[in-house]
Amino acid sequence: MEKQGLLIDYEFCTGCHSCEVACKQEHEYPAGKWGIKVNEFTQQISEKRMEITYLPFPTDLCNLCHQRTSHGELPACVKHCQAACMTFGNITDLVASMVKKPKMVLFSPK
């Protein structure tokens, strides 16, 4: 079986934190523990304009919801992503998708 991964198109992440909430509920993580954490980066573009970029970042606790994916379901973060900017699949297919866009990151657990 080919290695699975999570592709995140952070150009379209709105910072809604649905992935964080879904992950915490799925795994019953206590306060302060995250399987995925949305990080916020700000950049001053001009005197009147600021750009905010959100990047969902899987932590060491992320196993891509192995208990879900082994039954053909999507990881909780992907299922509940309101911006539909997360894709789960095999690494080869996800890498091919990355060629099309510059603002993507690929995560694959150990």
C-alpha atoms as a PDB file:
ATOM      1  CA  MET A   1       0.000   0.000   0.000  1.00  0.00           C
ATOM      2  CA  GLU A   2       1.322   3.415  -0.962  1.00  0.00           C
ATOM      3  CA  LYS A   3       2.074   5.981   1.725  1.00  0.00           C
ATOM      4  CA  GLN A   4      -0.778   8.410   2.430  1.00  0.00           C
ATOM      5  CA  GLY A   5      -0.539  12.145   3.023  1.00  0.00           C
ATOM      6  CA  LEU A   6      -2.389  15.393   3.545  1.00  0.00           C
ATOM      7  CA  LEU A   7      -2.117  18.210   1.002  1.00  0.00           C
ATOM      8  CA  ILE A   8      -3.057  21.676   2.225  1.00  0.00           C
ATOM      9  CA  ASP A   9      -3.706  24.541  -0.201  1.00  0.00           C
ATOM     10  CA  TYR A  10      -3.122  27.343   2.271  1.00  0.00           C
ATOM     11  CA  GLU A  11      -3.960  30.052  -0.271  1.00  0.00           C
ATOM     12  CA  PHE A  12      -7.623  29.296   0.446  1.00  0.00           C
ATOM     13  CA  CYS A  13      -7.530  28.559   4.184  1.00  0.00           C
ATOM     14  CA  THR A  14      -9.805  31.089   5.905  1.00  0.00           C
ATOM     15  CA  GLY A  15      -8.589  30.411   9.424  1.00  0.00           C
ATOM     16  CA  CYS A  16     -11.956  29.035  10.577  1.00  0.00           C
ATOM     17  CA  HIS A  17     -10.268  26.429  12.842  1.00  0.00           C
ATOM     18  CA  SER A  18     -12.794  23.720  11.846  1.00  0.00           C
ATOM     19  CA  CYS A  19      -9.920  21.304  11.296  1.00  0.00           C
ATOM     20  CA  GLU A  20      -8.615  21.920  14.826  1.00  0.00           C
ATOM     21  CA  VAL A  21     -12.019  21.415  16.411  1.00  0.00           C
ATOM     22  CA  ALA A  22     -12.789  18.288  14.375  1.00  0.00           C
ATOM     23  CA  CYS A  23      -9.427  16.768  15.268  1.00  0.00           C
ATOM     24  CA  LYS A  24      -9.740  17.562  18.988  1.00  0.00           C
ATOM     25  CA  GLN A  25     -13.213  16.032  19.081  1.00  0.00           C
ATOM     26  CA  GLU A  26     -12.219  12.963  17.060  1.00  0.00           C
ATOM     27  CA  HIS A  27      -9.243  12.164  19.291  1.00  0.00           C
ATOM     28  CA  GLU A  28     -10.542  13.667  22.550  1.00  0.00           C
ATOM     29  CA  TYR A  29      -7.366  15.688  23.025  1.00  0.00           C
ATOM     30  CA  PRO A  30      -7.235  17.710  26.252  1.00  0.00           C
ATOM     31  CA  ALA A  31      -6.677  21.464  26.362  1.00  0.00           C
ATOM     32  CA  GLY A  32      -3.263  22.353  24.987  1.00  0.00           C
ATOM     33  CA  LYS A  33      -2.955  19.232  22.787  1.00  0.00           C
ATOM     34  CA  TRP A  34      -3.513  19.478  19.048  1.00  0.00           C
ATOM     35  CA  GLY A  35      -3.383  17.062  16.151  1.00  0.00           C
ATOM     36  CA  ILE A  36      -3.526  20.016  13.767  1.00  0.00           C
ATOM     37  CA  LYS A  37      -3.051  23.667  14.663  1.00  0.00           C
ATOM     38  CA  VAL A  38      -3.907  26.679  12.505  1.00  0.00           C
ATOM     39  CA  ASN A  39      -1.057  29.202  12.559  1.00  0.00           C
ATOM     40  CA  GLU A  40      -1.569  32.834  11.558  1.00  0.00           C
ATOM     41  CA  PHE A  41       1.059  34.891   9.750  1.00  0.00           C
ATOM     42  CA  THR A  42       0.655  38.607   9.084  1.00  0.00           C
ATOM     43  CA  GLN A  43       2.569  40.723   6.619  1.00  0.00           C
ATOM     44  CA  GLN A  44       2.334  44.488   6.183  1.00  0.00           C
ATOM     45  CA  ILE A  45       1.880  45.015   2.436  1.00  0.00           C
ATOM     46  CA  SER A  46       1.583  48.792   2.521  1.00  0.00           C
ATOM     47  CA  GLU A  47       0.693  51.508   4.997  1.00  0.00           C
ATOM     48  CA  LYS A  48      -3.018  50.696   4.588  1.00  0.00           C
ATOM     49  CA  ARG A  49      -2.894  47.012   3.705  1.00  0.00           C
ATOM     50  CA  MET A  50      -2.038  43.904   5.678  1.00  0.00           C
ATOM     51  CA  GLU A  51      -2.087  40.325   4.432  1.00  0.00           C
ATOM     52  CA  ILE A  52      -3.037  37.470   6.759  1.00  0.00           C
ATOM     53  CA  THR A  53      -2.129  33.920   5.817  1.00  0.00           C
ATOM     54  CA  TYR A  54      -3.430  30.911   7.715  1.00  0.00           C
ATOM     55  CA  LEU A  55      -1.517  27.650   7.659  1.00  0.00           C
ATOM     56  CA  PRO A  56      -3.015  24.517   9.189  1.00  0.00           C
ATOM     57  CA  PHE A  57      -0.037  22.596  10.534  1.00  0.00           C
ATOM     58  CA  PRO A  58      -0.303  18.923  11.549  1.00  0.00           C
ATOM     59  CA  THR A  59       1.569  18.178  14.792  1.00  0.00           C
ATOM     60  CA  ASP A  60       3.429  15.069  15.909  1.00  0.00           C
ATOM     61  CA  LEU A  61       0.113  13.751  17.260  1.00  0.00           C
ATOM     62  CA  CYS A  62      -1.367  13.591  13.751  1.00  0.00           C
ATOM     63  CA  ASN A  63      -1.695  10.080  12.339  1.00  0.00           C
ATOM     64  CA  LEU A  64      -4.104  11.193   9.584  1.00  0.00           C
ATOM     65  CA  CYS A  65      -6.947   9.618  11.557  1.00  0.00           C
ATOM     66  CA  HIS A  66      -5.702   6.109  10.838  1.00  0.00           C
ATOM     67  CA  GLN A  67      -8.760   4.619  12.545  1.00  0.00           C
ATOM     68  CA  ARG A  68     -11.005   6.524  10.081  1.00  0.00           C
ATOM     69  CA  THR A  69      -8.929   6.156   6.906  1.00  0.00           C
ATOM     70  CA  SER A  70      -8.481   2.401   7.417  1.00  0.00           C
ATOM     71  CA  HIS A  71     -12.283   2.175   7.001  1.00  0.00           C
ATOM     72  CA  GLY A  72     -12.342   4.332   3.857  1.00  0.00           C
ATOM     73  CA  GLU A  73     -13.320   7.564   5.617  1.00  0.00           C
ATOM     74  CA  LEU A  74     -11.528  10.900   5.323  1.00  0.00           C
ATOM     75  CA  PRO A  75      -9.466  12.280   8.189  1.00  0.00           C
ATOM     76  CA  ALA A  76     -11.631  14.477  10.450  1.00  0.00           C
ATOM     77  CA  CYS A  77      -9.765  17.650   9.444  1.00  0.00           C
ATOM     78  CA  VAL A  78     -10.365  17.031   5.725  1.00  0.00           C
ATOM     79  CA  LYS A  79     -14.021  16.091   6.211  1.00  0.00           C
ATOM     80  CA  HIS A  80     -14.787  19.253   8.167  1.00  0.00           C
ATOM     81  CA  CYS A  81     -12.617  21.784   6.295  1.00  0.00           C
ATOM     82  CA  GLN A  82     -15.067  24.537   5.343  1.00  0.00           C
ATOM     83  CA  ALA A  83     -12.760  26.015   2.706  1.00  0.00           C
ATOM     84  CA  ALA A  84     -12.174  22.590   1.100  1.00  0.00           C
ATOM     85  CA  CYS A  85      -8.452  23.337   1.011  1.00  0.00           C
ATOM     86  CA  MET A  86      -7.325  19.941   2.353  1.00  0.00           C
ATOM     87  CA  THR A  87      -6.924  16.777   0.300  1.00  0.00           C
ATOM     88  CA  PHE A  88      -6.134  13.292   1.583  1.00  0.00           C
ATOM     89  CA  GLY A  89      -4.648  10.650  -0.674  1.00  0.00           C
ATOM     90  CA  ASN A  90      -1.566   8.799  -1.769  1.00  0.00           C
ATOM     91  CA  ILE A  91       1.664  10.777  -1.848  1.00  0.00           C
ATOM     92  CA  THR A  92       2.333  10.301  -5.571  1.00  0.00           C
ATOM     93  CA  ASP A  93      -1.014  11.817  -6.572  1.00  0.00           C
ATOM     94  CA  LEU A  94      -0.673  14.653  -4.060  1.00  0.00           C
ATOM     95  CA  VAL A  95       2.821  15.567  -5.283  1.00  0.00           C
ATOM     96  CA  ALA A  96       1.482  15.748  -8.840  1.00  0.00           C
ATOM     97  CA  SER A  97      -1.170  18.218  -7.626  1.00  0.00           C
ATOM     98  CA  MET A  98       1.487  20.401  -6.001  1.00  0.00           C
ATOM     99  CA  VAL A  99       3.080  21.195  -9.353  1.00  0.00           C
ATOM    100  CA  LYS A 100      -0.002  23.233 -10.285  1.00  0.00           C
ATOM    101  CA  LYS A 101       0.151  25.697  -7.377  1.00  0.00           C
ATOM    102  CA  PRO A 102       2.892  27.324  -5.303  1.00  0.00           C
ATOM    103  CA  LYS A 103       1.048  27.762  -1.979  1.00  0.00           C
ATOM    104  CA  MET A 104       0.637  24.154  -0.947  1.00  0.00           C
ATOM    105  CA  VAL A 105       2.217  22.000   1.711  1.00  0.00           C
ATOM    106  CA  LEU A 106       2.321  18.216   1.973  1.00  0.00           C
ATOM    107  CA  PHE A 107       2.275  16.318   5.250  1.00  0.00           C
ATOM    108  CA  SER A 108       2.931  12.632   5.714  1.00  0.00           C
ATOM    109  CA  PRO A 109       3.202  11.123   9.186  1.00  0.00           C
ATOM    110  CA  LYS A 110       6.024   8.819  10.270  1.00  0.00           C
END
